[in-house]
Amino acid sequence: FMSNPLLPTSLHFFERGWLSPNNILLVDDSCAVLIDTGYHTHAEQTLELVRNTLGQQPLSHIFNTHLHSDHCGGNSYLQAAFPNISTHVPPGHAAQVHQWNPWALSYTPTGQNCPRFVLNDVLHSGTHFEIADTKWEIHSAPGHDPHAILIFCPALGILISADALWENGFGVVFPEIEGVNAFQEVADTLDLIESLQPRIVLPGHGSAFTDVDAALARARSKLSYFVKSPEKHAIYAAKVLLKFKLLELQQTELTSFFKWAESAEYLKILHSEYAKATEFEAWILSLCESMSHSGTCQIEANIIFNR
């Protein structure tokens, strides 16, 4: 997509796998901004992508669309590589970053990891920044994460949507796991995206796409399905958490996987709310077997493999 006519030469789109999200690098003569930094186990790869693109120019800024571990896990590594870098995050969890509260930042309850990083400033909704004589707007985009933002370039019609909109859906609505009603916020954010009328969307995961109307229709259909059947969203959320860990581990003994699942508070909440009639380990195994049937993992003897 670096040669896509809808993207300027000042923008580099790095499409990654699902453990790390896509990275967007905005560059001009005076600064280089990386939007989202990937999961911590991919930090070396992220740095290599940045250095191969920038050459001798240093990375001057990190902007995080939200603070889930896959979007900011590389912050610490990049801060060490570029000591003068300035890191900007949405304001909602700034205090928790300063205090470093891995529970409030979701790393403990998801059973994921994020090395501690420092922040320098916040990205307020309603503000903008300029790179290569081009204005980029910051918009609040709650739903998947209550403090998430979108980044939009009106002149070029480019939307950096993170996990608010993918070509085939959107990210898990994490507040719903905690009992906070957030499906309406997802709907409001989809309405916002429609009102911006982007020509091309650079999502947090998956390929860039231009048929925004079709993507919005699919997202709204999925949202309607979840609103009518919250238990379906719960199963989706649980499987996403399990798949994410498998993407990280690639393979592990089932007994170890069950032990990890027991440590992930979000899985325990989902079990308690939607499957408490089934013993926890049996519930996790049933989800894994369902994932195996759909081809997203493989179980052989006592080993579970990512697929």
C-alpha atoms as a PDB file:
ATOM      1  CA  PHE A   1       0.000   0.000   0.000  1.00  0.00           C
ATOM      2  CA  MET A   2       2.999   2.308   0.089  1.00  0.00           C
ATOM      3  CA  SER A   3       2.461   2.902  -3.642  1.00  0.00           C
ATOM      4  CA  ASN A   4      -1.312   3.221  -3.406  1.00  0.00           C
ATOM      5  CA  PRO A   5      -2.380   6.452  -5.171  1.00  0.00           C
ATOM      6  CA  LEU A   6      -4.719   7.223  -2.262  1.00  0.00           C
ATOM      7  CA  LEU A   7      -1.731   7.374   0.103  1.00  0.00           C
ATOM      8  CA  PRO A   8       0.859  10.171   0.065  1.00  0.00           C
ATOM      9  CA  THR A   9       4.572   9.428  -0.109  1.00  0.00           C
ATOM     10  CA  SER A  10       4.829  10.779   3.435  1.00  0.00           C
ATOM     11  CA  LEU A  11       2.757   7.834   4.765  1.00  0.00           C
ATOM     12  CA  HIS A  12       4.052   4.269   5.093  1.00  0.00           C
ATOM     13  CA  PHE A  13       1.545   1.521   5.919  1.00  0.00           C
ATOM     14  CA  PHE A  14       3.026  -1.614   7.492  1.00  0.00           C
ATOM     15  CA  GLU A  15       0.504  -4.433   7.376  1.00  0.00           C
ATOM     16  CA  ARG A  16       1.302  -6.856  10.192  1.00  0.00           C
ATOM     17  CA  GLY A  17      -0.079 -10.133  11.462  1.00  0.00           C
ATOM     18  CA  TRP A  18      -2.812 -10.319  14.083  1.00  0.00           C
ATOM     19  CA  LEU A  19      -0.581 -10.482  17.155  1.00  0.00           C
ATOM     20  CA  SER A  20       0.689  -7.007  16.304  1.00  0.00           C
ATOM     21  CA  PRO A  21      -1.551  -4.424  14.660  1.00  0.00           C
ATOM     22  CA  ASN A  22      -0.676  -2.516  11.537  1.00  0.00           C
ATOM     23  CA  ASN A  23       1.743   0.383  11.981  1.00  0.00           C
ATOM     24  CA  ILE A  24       1.480   3.715  10.182  1.00  0.00           C
ATOM     25  CA  LEU A  25       4.585   5.870   9.815  1.00  0.00           C
ATOM     26  CA  LEU A  26       4.104   9.544   8.918  1.00  0.00           C
ATOM     27  CA  VAL A  27       7.267  11.338   7.836  1.00  0.00           C
ATOM     28  CA  ASP A  28       8.496  14.738   6.735  1.00  0.00           C
ATOM     29  CA  ASP A  29      11.864  16.520   6.957  1.00  0.00           C
ATOM     30  CA  SER A  30      11.413  17.527  10.590  1.00  0.00           C
ATOM     31  CA  CYS A  31       9.627  14.593  12.244  1.00  0.00           C
ATOM     32  CA  ALA A  32       8.648  10.952  11.971  1.00  0.00           C
ATOM     33  CA  VAL A  33       5.542   9.703  13.798  1.00  0.00           C
ATOM     34  CA  LEU A  34       4.792   6.010  14.322  1.00  0.00           C
ATOM     35  CA  ILE A  35       1.146   5.250  15.042  1.00  0.00           C
ATOM     36  CA  ASP A  36       0.930   2.139  17.244  1.00  0.00           C
ATOM     37  CA  THR A  37       3.949  -0.005  18.042  1.00  0.00           C
ATOM     38  CA  GLY A  38       2.805  -3.642  18.114  1.00  0.00           C
ATOM     39  CA  TYR A  39       3.039  -6.380  20.719  1.00  0.00           C
ATOM     40  CA  HIS A  40       6.203  -6.504  22.799  1.00  0.00           C
ATOM     41  CA  THR A  41       7.408  -9.807  21.309  1.00  0.00           C
ATOM     42  CA  HIS A  42       7.457  -8.129  17.869  1.00  0.00           C
ATOM     43  CA  ALA A  43       9.250  -4.964  19.017  1.00  0.00           C
ATOM     44  CA  GLU A  44      12.496  -5.845  17.231  1.00  0.00           C
ATOM     45  CA  GLN A  45      10.605  -6.368  13.968  1.00  0.00           C
ATOM     46  CA  THR A  46       8.816  -3.042  14.442  1.00  0.00           C
ATOM     47  CA  LEU A  47      12.127  -1.254  14.980  1.00  0.00           C
ATOM     48  CA  GLU A  48      13.553  -2.886  11.854  1.00  0.00           C
ATOM     49  CA  LEU A  49      10.586  -1.711   9.768  1.00  0.00           C
ATOM     50  CA  VAL A  50      11.006   1.823  11.085  1.00  0.00           C
ATOM     51  CA  ARG A  51      14.770   1.950  10.560  1.00  0.00           C
ATOM     52  CA  ASN A  52      14.562   0.447   7.069  1.00  0.00           C
ATOM     53  CA  THR A  53      12.138   3.203   6.116  1.00  0.00           C
ATOM     54  CA  LEU A  54      13.733   6.159   7.892  1.00  0.00           C
ATOM     55  CA  GLY A  55      17.397   5.392   7.283  1.00  0.00           C
ATOM     56  CA  GLN A  56      19.394   7.824   9.417  1.00  0.00           C
ATOM     57  CA  GLN A  57      16.381   9.937  10.393  1.00  0.00           C
ATOM     58  CA  PRO A  58      15.332   9.291  14.009  1.00  0.00           C
ATOM     59  CA  LEU A  59      11.805   8.381  15.031  1.00  0.00           C
ATOM     60  CA  SER A  60      10.569  11.521  16.770  1.00  0.00           C
ATOM     61  CA  HIS A  61       7.105  10.527  18.028  1.00  0.00           C
ATOM     62  CA  ILE A  62       4.948   7.572  19.021  1.00  0.00           C
ATOM     63  CA  PHE A  63       1.175   8.059  18.877  1.00  0.00           C
ATOM     64  CA  ASN A  64      -0.981   5.295  20.356  1.00  0.00           C
ATOM     65  CA  THR A  65      -4.601   5.012  19.196  1.00  0.00           C
ATOM     66  CA  HIS A  66      -5.357   3.178  22.454  1.00  0.00           C
ATOM     67  CA  LEU A  67      -3.420   1.321  25.099  1.00  0.00           C
ATOM     68  CA  HIS A  68      -4.192  -2.332  24.521  1.00  0.00           C
ATOM     69  CA  SER A  69      -1.025  -4.403  24.754  1.00  0.00           C
ATOM     70  CA  ASP A  70      -0.825  -5.112  21.020  1.00  0.00           C
ATOM     71  CA  HIS A  71      -0.925  -1.402  20.178  1.00  0.00           C
ATOM     72  CA  CYS A  72       1.640  -0.084  22.654  1.00  0.00           C
ATOM     73  CA  GLY A  73       3.751  -3.120  23.562  1.00  0.00           C
ATOM     74  CA  GLY A  74       6.661  -1.828  21.482  1.00  0.00           C
ATOM     75  CA  ASN A  75       6.701   1.610  23.125  1.00  0.00           C
ATOM     76  CA  SER A  76       9.390   0.791  25.680  1.00  0.00           C
ATOM     77  CA  TYR A  77      11.696  -0.836  23.108  1.00  0.00           C
ATOM     78  CA  LEU A  78      11.406   2.102  20.712  1.00  0.00           C
ATOM     79  CA  GLN A  79      11.927   4.588  23.534  1.00  0.00           C
ATOM     80  CA  ALA A  80      15.207   2.849  24.314  1.00  0.00           C
ATOM     81  CA  ALA A  81      16.220   2.898  20.639  1.00  0.00           C
ATOM     82  CA  PHE A  82      15.351   6.600  20.201  1.00  0.00           C
ATOM     83  CA  PRO A  83      16.096   8.365  23.521  1.00  0.00           C
ATOM     84  CA  ASN A  84      14.678  11.718  22.375  1.00  0.00           C
ATOM     85  CA  ILE A  85      11.340  10.294  21.256  1.00  0.00           C
ATOM     86  CA  SER A  86       8.073  11.848  22.481  1.00  0.00           C
ATOM     87  CA  THR A  87       5.221   9.438  23.250  1.00  0.00           C
ATOM     88  CA  HIS A  88       1.590  10.582  23.069  1.00  0.00           C
ATOM     89  CA  VAL A  89      -1.440   8.569  24.208  1.00  0.00           C
ATOM     90  CA  PRO A  90      -5.186   9.215  24.551  1.00  0.00           C
ATOM     91  CA  PRO A  91      -5.851  11.051  27.826  1.00  0.00           C
ATOM     92  CA  GLY A  92      -8.186   8.533  29.463  1.00  0.00           C
ATOM     93  CA  HIS A  93      -5.472   6.259  30.841  1.00  0.00           C
ATOM     94  CA  ALA A  94      -2.617   8.750  31.134  1.00  0.00           C
ATOM     95  CA  ALA A  95      -2.672   8.647  34.941  1.00  0.00           C
ATOM     96  CA  GLN A  96      -2.567   4.844  34.923  1.00  0.00           C
ATOM     97  CA  VAL A  97       0.484   4.937  32.641  1.00  0.00           C
ATOM     98  CA  HIS A  98       2.262   7.385  34.955  1.00  0.00           C
ATOM     99  CA  GLN A  99       1.460   5.173  37.958  1.00  0.00           C
ATOM    100  CA  TRP A 100       1.886   2.018  35.855  1.00  0.00           C
ATOM    101  CA  ASN A 101      -1.234   0.138  36.842  1.00  0.00           C
ATOM    102  CA  PRO A 102      -1.291  -3.013  34.650  1.00  0.00           C
ATOM    103  CA  TRP A 103      -4.720  -3.976  35.982  1.00  0.00           C
ATOM    104  CA  ALA A 104      -6.398  -0.704  34.981  1.00  0.00           C
ATOM    105  CA  LEU A 105      -4.511  -0.752  31.674  1.00  0.00           C
ATOM    106  CA  SER A 106      -6.038  -4.218  30.938  1.00  0.00           C
ATOM    107  CA  TYR A 107      -2.775  -6.165  30.796  1.00  0.00           C
ATOM    108  CA  THR A 108      -3.431  -8.224  33.931  1.00  0.00           C
ATOM    109  CA  PRO A 109      -7.102  -9.121  33.236  1.00  0.00           C
ATOM    110  CA  THR A 110      -6.376 -10.079  29.600  1.00  0.00           C
ATOM    111  CA  GLY A 111      -3.429 -12.246  30.640  1.00  0.00           C
ATOM    112  CA  GLN A 112      -1.183 -10.250  28.293  1.00  0.00           C
ATOM    113  CA  ASN A 113       2.092  -8.396  28.760  1.00  0.00           C
ATOM    114  CA  CYS A 114       3.236  -4.845  28.098  1.00  0.00           C
ATOM    115  CA  PRO A 115       6.636  -3.529  29.256  1.00  0.00           C
ATOM    116  CA  ARG A 116       6.401  -0.292  31.205  1.00  0.00           C
ATOM    117  CA  PHE A 117       6.837   2.853  29.135  1.00  0.00           C
ATOM    118  CA  VAL A 118       6.708   6.585  29.771  1.00  0.00           C
ATOM    119  CA  LEU A 119       4.451   9.139  28.136  1.00  0.00           C
ATOM    120  CA  ASN A 120       5.110  12.764  27.295  1.00  0.00           C
ATOM    121  CA  ASP A 121       1.751  14.118  26.171  1.00  0.00           C
ATOM    122  CA  VAL A 122      -1.852  13.230  25.376  1.00  0.00           C
ATOM    123  CA  LEU A 123      -3.906  13.210  22.172  1.00  0.00           C
ATOM    124  CA  HIS A 124      -7.044  15.206  22.851  1.00  0.00           C
ATOM    125  CA  SER A 125     -10.131  14.694  20.702  1.00  0.00           C
ATOM    126  CA  GLY A 126     -10.862  17.812  18.670  1.00  0.00           C
ATOM    127  CA  THR A 127      -7.204  18.713  18.168  1.00  0.00           C
ATOM    128  CA  HIS A 128      -4.988  18.140  15.139  1.00  0.00           C
ATOM    129  CA  PHE A 129      -1.356  17.875  14.103  1.00  0.00           C
ATOM    130  CA  GLU A 130       0.435  18.549  10.812  1.00  0.00           C
ATOM    131  CA  ILE A 131       3.007  16.480   8.948  1.00  0.00           C
ATOM    132  CA  ALA A 132       4.216  17.159   5.403  1.00  0.00           C
ATOM    133  CA  ASP A 133       1.908  20.198   5.232  1.00  0.00           C
ATOM    134  CA  THR A 134      -1.073  17.906   5.829  1.00  0.00           C
ATOM    135  CA  LYS A 135      -3.533  18.201   8.713  1.00  0.00           C
ATOM    136  CA  TRP A 136      -4.540  15.126  10.713  1.00  0.00           C
ATOM    137  CA  GLU A 137      -7.493  15.310  13.102  1.00  0.00           C
ATOM    138  CA  ILE A 138      -7.925  13.435  16.386  1.00  0.00           C
ATOM    139  CA  HIS A 139     -11.416  12.057  17.057  1.00  0.00           C
ATOM    140  CA  SER A 140     -12.677  10.186  20.113  1.00  0.00           C
ATOM    141  CA  ALA A 141     -13.766   6.647  19.153  1.00  0.00           C
ATOM    142  CA  PRO A 142     -15.088   4.759  22.200  1.00  0.00           C
ATOM    143  CA  GLY A 143     -16.533   1.261  22.039  1.00  0.00           C
ATOM    144  CA  HIS A 144     -13.748  -1.290  21.590  1.00  0.00           C
ATOM    145  CA  ASP A 145     -11.849   0.748  24.168  1.00  0.00           C
ATOM    146  CA  PRO A 146     -13.497   3.649  26.023  1.00  0.00           C
ATOM    147  CA  HIS A 147     -10.505   5.937  25.458  1.00  0.00           C
ATOM    148  CA  ALA A 148      -9.620   5.037  21.857  1.00  0.00           C
ATOM    149  CA  ILE A 149      -9.103   7.611  19.130  1.00  0.00           C
ATOM    150  CA  LEU A 150      -9.312   7.773  15.353  1.00  0.00           C
ATOM    151  CA  ILE A 151      -6.905   9.810  13.230  1.00  0.00           C
ATOM    152  CA  PHE A 152      -8.332  11.350  10.054  1.00  0.00           C
ATOM    153  CA  CYS A 153      -6.917  13.415   7.203  1.00  0.00           C
ATOM    154  CA  PRO A 154      -9.793  15.384   5.614  1.00  0.00           C
ATOM    155  CA  ALA A 155      -7.773  16.588   2.616  1.00  0.00           C
ATOM    156  CA  LEU A 156      -6.787  13.082   1.567  1.00  0.00           C
ATOM    157  CA  GLY A 157      -9.758  11.156   2.964  1.00  0.00           C
ATOM    158  CA  ILE A 158      -7.480   8.798   4.908  1.00  0.00           C
ATOM    159  CA  LEU A 159      -8.817   7.282   8.122  1.00  0.00           C
ATOM    160  CA  ILE A 160      -6.596   5.485  10.624  1.00  0.00           C
ATOM    161  CA  SER A 161      -9.338   3.505  12.336  1.00  0.00           C
ATOM    162  CA  ALA A 162      -7.369   1.215  14.679  1.00  0.00           C
ATOM    163  CA  ASP A 163      -9.863  -1.381  16.022  1.00  0.00           C
ATOM    164  CA  ALA A 164     -13.016   0.729  15.646  1.00  0.00           C
ATOM    165  CA  LEU A 165     -13.538  -0.556  12.089  1.00  0.00           C
ATOM    166  CA  TRP A 166     -11.977  -3.406  10.173  1.00  0.00           C
ATOM    167  CA  GLU A 167     -12.935  -4.571   6.696  1.00  0.00           C
ATOM    168  CA  ASN A 168     -14.914  -7.370   8.362  1.00  0.00           C
ATOM    169  CA  GLY A 169     -16.016  -6.064  11.730  1.00  0.00           C
ATOM    170  CA  PHE A 170     -14.347  -4.444  14.729  1.00  0.00           C
ATOM    171  CA  GLY A 171     -12.476  -5.383  17.879  1.00  0.00           C
ATOM    172  CA  VAL A 172     -13.937  -6.992  20.986  1.00  0.00           C
ATOM    173  CA  VAL A 173     -16.026  -4.491  22.962  1.00  0.00           C
ATOM    174  CA  PHE A 174     -13.944  -4.818  26.124  1.00  0.00           C
ATOM    175  CA  PRO A 175     -16.116  -2.613  28.391  1.00  0.00           C
ATOM    176  CA  GLU A 176     -18.952  -5.100  27.889  1.00  0.00           C
ATOM    177  CA  ILE A 177     -16.823  -7.778  29.577  1.00  0.00           C
ATOM    178  CA  GLU A 178     -16.662  -5.567  32.654  1.00  0.00           C
ATOM    179  CA  GLY A 179     -20.424  -5.068  32.657  1.00  0.00           C
ATOM    180  CA  VAL A 180     -20.302  -1.581  31.114  1.00  0.00           C
ATOM    181  CA  ASN A 181     -22.837  -0.998  28.338  1.00  0.00           C
ATOM    182  CA  ALA A 182     -20.750   0.029  25.327  1.00  0.00           C
ATOM    183  CA  PHE A 183     -22.499  -1.365  22.263  1.00  0.00           C
ATOM    184  CA  GLN A 184     -24.128   2.034  21.724  1.00  0.00           C
ATOM    185  CA  GLU A 185     -20.690   3.642  21.752  1.00  0.00           C
ATOM    186  CA  VAL A 186     -19.648   1.241  18.989  1.00  0.00           C
ATOM    187  CA  ALA A 187     -22.700   2.357  16.999  1.00  0.00           C
ATOM    188  CA  ASP A 188     -21.894   6.026  17.604  1.00  0.00           C
ATOM    189  CA  THR A 189     -18.298   5.540  16.458  1.00  0.00           C
ATOM    190  CA  LEU A 190     -19.478   3.789  13.283  1.00  0.00           C
ATOM    191  CA  ASP A 191     -21.774   6.779  12.665  1.00  0.00           C
ATOM    192  CA  LEU A 192     -18.808   9.104  13.153  1.00  0.00           C
ATOM    193  CA  ILE A 193     -16.753   7.159  10.622  1.00  0.00           C
ATOM    194  CA  GLU A 194     -19.609   7.342   8.119  1.00  0.00           C
ATOM    195  CA  SER A 195     -19.878  11.114   8.640  1.00  0.00           C
ATOM    196  CA  LEU A 196     -16.170  11.572   7.906  1.00  0.00           C
ATOM    197  CA  GLN A 197     -16.642   9.888   4.507  1.00  0.00           C
ATOM    198  CA  PRO A 198     -13.128   8.426   4.223  1.00  0.00           C
ATOM    199  CA  ARG A 199     -11.867   7.332   0.839  1.00  0.00           C
ATOM    200  CA  ILE A 200      -9.527   4.732   2.324  1.00  0.00           C
ATOM    201  CA  VAL A 201      -9.334   3.120   5.757  1.00  0.00           C
ATOM    202  CA  LEU A 202      -6.110   1.925   7.359  1.00  0.00           C
ATOM    203  CA  PRO A 203      -7.411  -0.480  10.025  1.00  0.00           C
ATOM    204  CA  GLY A 204      -5.666  -1.786  13.105  1.00  0.00           C
ATOM    205  CA  HIS A 205      -5.701  -5.313  11.674  1.00  0.00           C
ATOM    206  CA  GLY A 206      -6.101  -6.577   8.135  1.00  0.00           C
ATOM    207  CA  SER A 207      -5.604  -4.900   4.788  1.00  0.00           C
ATOM    208  CA  ALA A 208      -6.387  -1.300   3.902  1.00  0.00           C
ATOM    209  CA  PHE A 209      -9.728  -0.959   2.138  1.00  0.00           C
ATOM    210  CA  THR A 210     -11.751   1.549   0.132  1.00  0.00           C
ATOM    211  CA  ASP A 211     -15.277   0.073   0.172  1.00  0.00           C
ATOM    212  CA  VAL A 212     -16.117   1.798   3.431  1.00  0.00           C
ATOM    213  CA  ASP A 213     -19.902   1.547   3.028  1.00  0.00           C
ATOM    214  CA  ALA A 214     -19.717  -2.239   2.766  1.00  0.00           C
ATOM    215  CA  ALA A 215     -17.404  -2.438   5.790  1.00  0.00           C
ATOM    216  CA  LEU A 216     -19.769  -0.265   7.828  1.00  0.00           C
ATOM    217  CA  ALA A 217     -22.720  -2.444   6.823  1.00  0.00           C
ATOM    218  CA  ARG A 218     -20.885  -5.583   7.934  1.00  0.00           C
ATOM    219  CA  ALA A 219     -19.849  -3.938  11.207  1.00  0.00           C
ATOM    220  CA  ARG A 220     -23.400  -2.798  11.950  1.00  0.00           C
ATOM    221  CA  SER A 221     -24.754  -6.253  11.167  1.00  0.00           C
ATOM    222  CA  LYS A 222     -22.235  -7.788  13.568  1.00  0.00           C
ATOM    223  CA  LEU A 223     -23.078  -5.214  16.216  1.00  0.00           C
ATOM    224  CA  SER A 224     -26.808  -5.915  15.866  1.00  0.00           C
ATOM    225  CA  TYR A 225     -26.087  -9.628  16.298  1.00  0.00           C
ATOM    226  CA  PHE A 226     -24.165  -8.944  19.511  1.00  0.00           C
ATOM    227  CA  VAL A 227     -26.808  -6.573  20.879  1.00  0.00           C
ATOM    228  CA  LYS A 228     -29.493  -9.219  20.369  1.00  0.00           C
ATOM    229  CA  SER A 229     -27.302 -12.036  21.735  1.00  0.00           C
ATOM    230  CA  PRO A 230     -24.714 -10.728  24.234  1.00  0.00           C
ATOM    231  CA  GLU A 231     -23.652 -14.299  24.942  1.00  0.00           C
ATOM    232  CA  LYS A 232     -22.374 -14.479  21.350  1.00  0.00           C
ATOM    233  CA  HIS A 233     -20.143 -11.478  22.013  1.00  0.00           C
ATOM    234  CA  ALA A 234     -18.932 -13.188  25.200  1.00  0.00           C
ATOM    235  CA  ILE A 235     -17.913 -16.292  23.242  1.00  0.00           C
ATOM    236  CA  TYR A 236     -16.266 -14.109  20.594  1.00  0.00           C
ATOM    237  CA  ALA A 237     -14.347 -12.206  23.287  1.00  0.00           C
ATOM    238  CA  ALA A 238     -13.195 -15.392  25.023  1.00  0.00           C
ATOM    239  CA  LYS A 239     -12.001 -16.920  21.758  1.00  0.00           C
ATOM    240  CA  VAL A 240     -10.131 -13.727  20.851  1.00  0.00           C
ATOM    241  CA  LEU A 241      -8.286 -13.808  24.181  1.00  0.00           C
ATOM    242  CA  LEU A 242      -7.416 -17.485  23.700  1.00  0.00           C
ATOM    243  CA  LYS A 243      -6.327 -16.984  20.084  1.00  0.00           C
ATOM    244  CA  PHE A 244      -4.185 -13.978  20.998  1.00  0.00           C
ATOM    245  CA  LYS A 245      -2.286 -16.058  23.548  1.00  0.00           C
ATOM    246  CA  LEU A 246      -1.854 -18.842  21.013  1.00  0.00           C
ATOM    247  CA  LEU A 247      -0.475 -16.357  18.501  1.00  0.00           C
ATOM    248  CA  GLU A 248       2.090 -15.411  21.127  1.00  0.00           C
ATOM    249  CA  LEU A 249       2.973 -18.947  22.293  1.00  0.00           C
ATOM    250  CA  GLN A 250       2.411 -20.825  18.979  1.00  0.00           C
ATOM    251  CA  GLN A 251       2.161 -24.067  20.946  1.00  0.00           C
ATOM    252  CA  THR A 252       1.873 -25.110  24.577  1.00  0.00           C
ATOM    253  CA  GLU A 253       0.669 -27.939  26.771  1.00  0.00           C
ATOM    254  CA  LEU A 254      -3.058 -27.792  27.422  1.00  0.00           C
ATOM    255  CA  THR A 255      -2.442 -27.938  31.161  1.00  0.00           C
ATOM    256  CA  SER A 256      -0.248 -24.822  30.925  1.00  0.00           C
ATOM    257  CA  PHE A 257      -2.831 -23.130  28.718  1.00  0.00           C
ATOM    258  CA  PHE A 258      -5.563 -23.843  31.275  1.00  0.00           C
ATOM    259  CA  LYS A 259      -3.326 -22.434  34.018  1.00  0.00           C
ATOM    260  CA  TRP A 260      -2.777 -19.252  32.008  1.00  0.00           C
ATOM    261  CA  ALA A 261      -6.544 -18.957  31.333  1.00  0.00           C
ATOM    262  CA  GLU A 262      -7.204 -19.228  35.064  1.00  0.00           C
ATOM    263  CA  SER A 263      -4.942 -16.184  35.571  1.00  0.00           C
ATOM    264  CA  ALA A 264      -6.814 -14.064  32.997  1.00  0.00           C
ATOM    265  CA  GLU A 265      -9.558 -12.309  34.953  1.00  0.00           C
ATOM    266  CA  TYR A 266     -11.586 -11.412  31.854  1.00  0.00           C
ATOM    267  CA  LEU A 267     -11.968 -15.112  31.020  1.00  0.00           C
ATOM    268  CA  LYS A 268     -13.104 -15.809  34.578  1.00  0.00           C
ATOM    269  CA  ILE A 269     -15.639 -12.961  34.371  1.00  0.00           C
ATOM    270  CA  LEU A 270     -16.998 -14.270  31.055  1.00  0.00           C
ATOM    271  CA  HIS A 271     -17.239 -17.773  32.471  1.00  0.00           C
ATOM    272  CA  SER A 272     -19.026 -16.579  35.588  1.00  0.00           C
ATOM    273  CA  GLU A 273     -21.481 -14.467  33.613  1.00  0.00           C
ATOM    274  CA  TYR A 274     -22.263 -16.777  30.709  1.00  0.00           C
ATOM    275  CA  ALA A 275     -21.111 -20.347  31.435  1.00  0.00           C
ATOM    276  CA  LYS A 276     -21.027 -20.877  35.190  1.00  0.00           C
ATOM    277  CA  ALA A 277     -22.984 -24.134  34.887  1.00  0.00           C
ATOM    278  CA  THR A 278     -19.869 -25.604  33.248  1.00  0.00           C
ATOM    279  CA  GLU A 279     -16.609 -26.096  35.138  1.00  0.00           C
ATOM    280  CA  PHE A 280     -14.044 -23.474  34.065  1.00  0.00           C
ATOM    281  CA  GLU A 281     -11.463 -25.825  32.580  1.00  0.00           C
ATOM    282  CA  ALA A 282     -14.139 -27.744  30.686  1.00  0.00           C
ATOM    283  CA  TRP A 283     -15.470 -24.462  29.304  1.00  0.00           C
ATOM    284  CA  ILE A 284     -12.013 -23.396  28.113  1.00  0.00           C
ATOM    285  CA  LEU A 285     -11.505 -26.819  26.509  1.00  0.00           C
ATOM    286  CA  SER A 286     -14.869 -26.548  24.734  1.00  0.00           C
ATOM    287  CA  LEU A 287     -13.852 -23.152  23.319  1.00  0.00           C
ATOM    288  CA  CYS A 288     -10.514 -24.561  22.169  1.00  0.00           C
ATOM    289  CA  GLU A 289     -12.254 -27.513  20.521  1.00  0.00           C
ATOM    290  CA  SER A 290     -14.613 -25.108  18.748  1.00  0.00           C
ATOM    291  CA  MET A 291     -11.593 -23.134  17.527  1.00  0.00           C
ATOM    292  CA  SER A 292     -10.003 -26.376  16.361  1.00  0.00           C
ATOM    293  CA  HIS A 293     -13.118 -27.245  14.344  1.00  0.00           C
ATOM    294  CA  SER A 294     -13.004 -23.816  12.691  1.00  0.00           C
ATOM    295  CA  GLY A 295      -9.304 -24.220  11.872  1.00  0.00           C
ATOM    296  CA  THR A 296      -7.846 -21.535  14.134  1.00  0.00           C
ATOM    297  CA  CYS A 297      -5.986 -23.982  16.379  1.00  0.00           C
ATOM    298  CA  GLN A 298      -5.070 -27.660  16.526  1.00  0.00           C
ATOM    299  CA  ILE A 299      -5.149 -30.016  19.500  1.00  0.00           C
ATOM    300  CA  GLU A 300      -3.014 -33.158  19.540  1.00  0.00           C
ATOM    301  CA  ALA A 301      -2.720 -35.224  22.704  1.00  0.00           C
ATOM    302  CA  ASN A 302      -1.969 -32.642  25.420  1.00  0.00           C
ATOM    303  CA  ILE A 303      -0.611 -29.961  23.054  1.00  0.00           C
ATOM    304  CA  ILE A 304      -2.518 -27.036  21.566  1.00  0.00           C
ATOM    305  CA  PHE A 305      -1.057 -25.418  18.445  1.00  0.00           C
ATOM    306  CA  ASN A 306      -1.808 -22.107  16.761  1.00  0.00           C
ATOM    307  CA  ARG A 307      -3.019 -22.375  13.176  1.00  0.00           C
END
